[in-house]
Amino acid sequence: MHTFNRSSELTLHVFFQDHLWQWGITCVRPGGVGAKVVAYSDPGFCTELQARTDGERARLRRGDRPRSECV
């Protein structure tokens, strides 16, 4: 798994699964105990670059939301 752009407590992960490139966004749970998936791609992408570009766009949009979803 590749992890990119950890900022604002949101981390973008880009990975290859089931013959497609996928992305997921996680946030750190309070107290540093694990992470929570707050968004993911569905369906996947043909290339890593497409998945990373779309995932980064989603991460930036979510960056404006309150962190309450990480509780």
C-alpha atoms as a PDB file:
ATOM      1  CA  MET A   1       0.000   0.000   0.000  1.00  0.00           C
ATOM      2  CA  HIS A   2       1.210   3.517  -0.777  1.00  0.00           C
ATOM      3  CA  THR A   3       0.398   6.332   1.624  1.00  0.00           C
ATOM      4  CA  PHE A   4       0.393   9.922   0.408  1.00  0.00           C
ATOM      5  CA  ASN A   5      -0.296  13.417   1.689  1.00  0.00           C
ATOM      6  CA  ARG A   6      -0.855  13.138   5.387  1.00  0.00           C
ATOM      7  CA  SER A   7      -2.245  16.495   6.436  1.00  0.00           C
ATOM      8  CA  SER A   8      -5.199  17.775   8.406  1.00  0.00           C
ATOM      9  CA  GLU A   9      -5.382  14.325  10.028  1.00  0.00           C
ATOM     10  CA  LEU A  10      -6.564  12.800   6.735  1.00  0.00           C
ATOM     11  CA  THR A  11      -4.353  10.275   4.942  1.00  0.00           C
ATOM     12  CA  LEU A  12      -4.786   9.175   1.337  1.00  0.00           C
ATOM     13  CA  HIS A  13      -3.928   5.538   0.562  1.00  0.00           C
ATOM     14  CA  VAL A  14      -3.627   4.343  -3.048  1.00  0.00           C
ATOM     15  CA  PHE A  15      -3.408   0.599  -3.722  1.00  0.00           C
ATOM     16  CA  PHE A  16      -3.954  -2.100  -6.362  1.00  0.00           C
ATOM     17  CA  GLN A  17      -6.773  -4.556  -5.618  1.00  0.00           C
ATOM     18  CA  ASP A  18      -8.873  -6.880  -7.779  1.00  0.00           C
ATOM     19  CA  HIS A  19      -7.140  -5.713 -10.981  1.00  0.00           C
ATOM     20  CA  LEU A  20      -7.972  -2.034 -10.353  1.00  0.00           C
ATOM     21  CA  TRP A  21      -6.359   0.910  -8.592  1.00  0.00           C
ATOM     22  CA  GLN A  22      -8.296   2.068  -5.527  1.00  0.00           C
ATOM     23  CA  TRP A  23      -7.975   4.857  -2.985  1.00  0.00           C
ATOM     24  CA  GLY A  24      -9.105   5.229   0.596  1.00  0.00           C
ATOM     25  CA  ILE A  25      -8.991   8.116   3.060  1.00  0.00           C
ATOM     26  CA  THR A  26      -8.432   7.494   6.752  1.00  0.00           C
ATOM     27  CA  CYS A  27      -8.242   9.641   9.846  1.00  0.00           C
ATOM     28  CA  VAL A  28      -6.541   8.921  13.154  1.00  0.00           C
ATOM     29  CA  ARG A  29      -8.944   8.077  15.956  1.00  0.00           C
ATOM     30  CA  PRO A  30      -8.737  10.173  19.134  1.00  0.00           C
ATOM     31  CA  GLY A  31      -6.038   8.940  21.465  1.00  0.00           C
ATOM     32  CA  GLY A  32      -4.070   7.552  18.535  1.00  0.00           C
ATOM     33  CA  VAL A  33      -5.789   4.148  18.685  1.00  0.00           C
ATOM     34  CA  GLY A  34      -6.126   3.006  15.089  1.00  0.00           C
ATOM     35  CA  ALA A  35      -7.573   4.687  12.041  1.00  0.00           C
ATOM     36  CA  LYS A  36     -11.037   5.023  10.548  1.00  0.00           C
ATOM     37  CA  VAL A  37     -11.868   4.840   6.836  1.00  0.00           C
ATOM     38  CA  VAL A  38     -13.914   7.934   6.017  1.00  0.00           C
ATOM     39  CA  ALA A  39     -14.035   7.613   2.200  1.00  0.00           C
ATOM     40  CA  TYR A  40     -13.036   5.183  -0.538  1.00  0.00           C
ATOM     41  CA  SER A  41     -13.235   4.783  -4.304  1.00  0.00           C
ATOM     42  CA  ASP A  42     -15.898   2.659  -5.914  1.00  0.00           C
ATOM     43  CA  PRO A  43     -15.391   1.526  -8.589  1.00  0.00           C
ATOM     44  CA  GLY A  44     -11.627   1.497  -9.102  1.00  0.00           C
ATOM     45  CA  PHE A  45      -9.393   3.076 -11.748  1.00  0.00           C
ATOM     46  CA  CYS A  46      -7.281   1.743 -14.613  1.00  0.00           C
ATOM     47  CA  THR A  47      -4.129   3.605 -13.551  1.00  0.00           C
ATOM     48  CA  GLU A  48      -2.468   4.582 -10.310  1.00  0.00           C
ATOM     49  CA  LEU A  49      -2.324   8.211 -11.446  1.00  0.00           C
ATOM     50  CA  GLN A  50      -6.101   8.341 -12.006  1.00  0.00           C
ATOM     51  CA  ALA A  51      -6.736   6.880  -8.542  1.00  0.00           C
ATOM     52  CA  ARG A  52      -4.249   9.220  -6.862  1.00  0.00           C
ATOM     53  CA  THR A  53      -5.646  12.304  -8.611  1.00  0.00           C
ATOM     54  CA  ASP A  54      -9.240  11.461  -7.727  1.00  0.00           C
ATOM     55  CA  GLY A  55      -8.308  10.494  -4.165  1.00  0.00           C
ATOM     56  CA  GLU A  56      -6.392  13.726  -3.615  1.00  0.00           C
ATOM     57  CA  ARG A  57      -9.374  15.712  -4.871  1.00  0.00           C
ATOM     58  CA  ALA A  58     -11.620  13.872  -2.411  1.00  0.00           C
ATOM     59  CA  ARG A  59      -9.127  14.344   0.449  1.00  0.00           C
ATOM     60  CA  LEU A  60      -8.989  18.083  -0.159  1.00  0.00           C
ATOM     61  CA  ARG A  61     -12.803  18.322  -0.212  1.00  0.00           C
ATOM     62  CA  ARG A  62     -13.048  16.406   3.063  1.00  0.00           C
ATOM     63  CA  GLY A  63     -10.401  18.626   4.646  1.00  0.00           C
ATOM     64  CA  ASP A  64     -13.016  21.340   5.153  1.00  0.00           C
ATOM     65  CA  ARG A  65     -15.277  19.075   7.222  1.00  0.00           C
ATOM     66  CA  PRO A  66     -15.251  18.820  10.999  1.00  0.00           C
ATOM     67  CA  ARG A  67     -13.163  16.060  12.522  1.00  0.00           C
ATOM     68  CA  SER A  68     -16.166  14.640  14.417  1.00  0.00           C
ATOM     69  CA  GLU A  69     -16.307  11.764  11.901  1.00  0.00           C
ATOM     70  CA  CYS A  70     -13.030  10.496  13.366  1.00  0.00           C
ATOM     71  CA  VAL A  71     -14.451  10.039  16.838  1.00  0.00           C
END
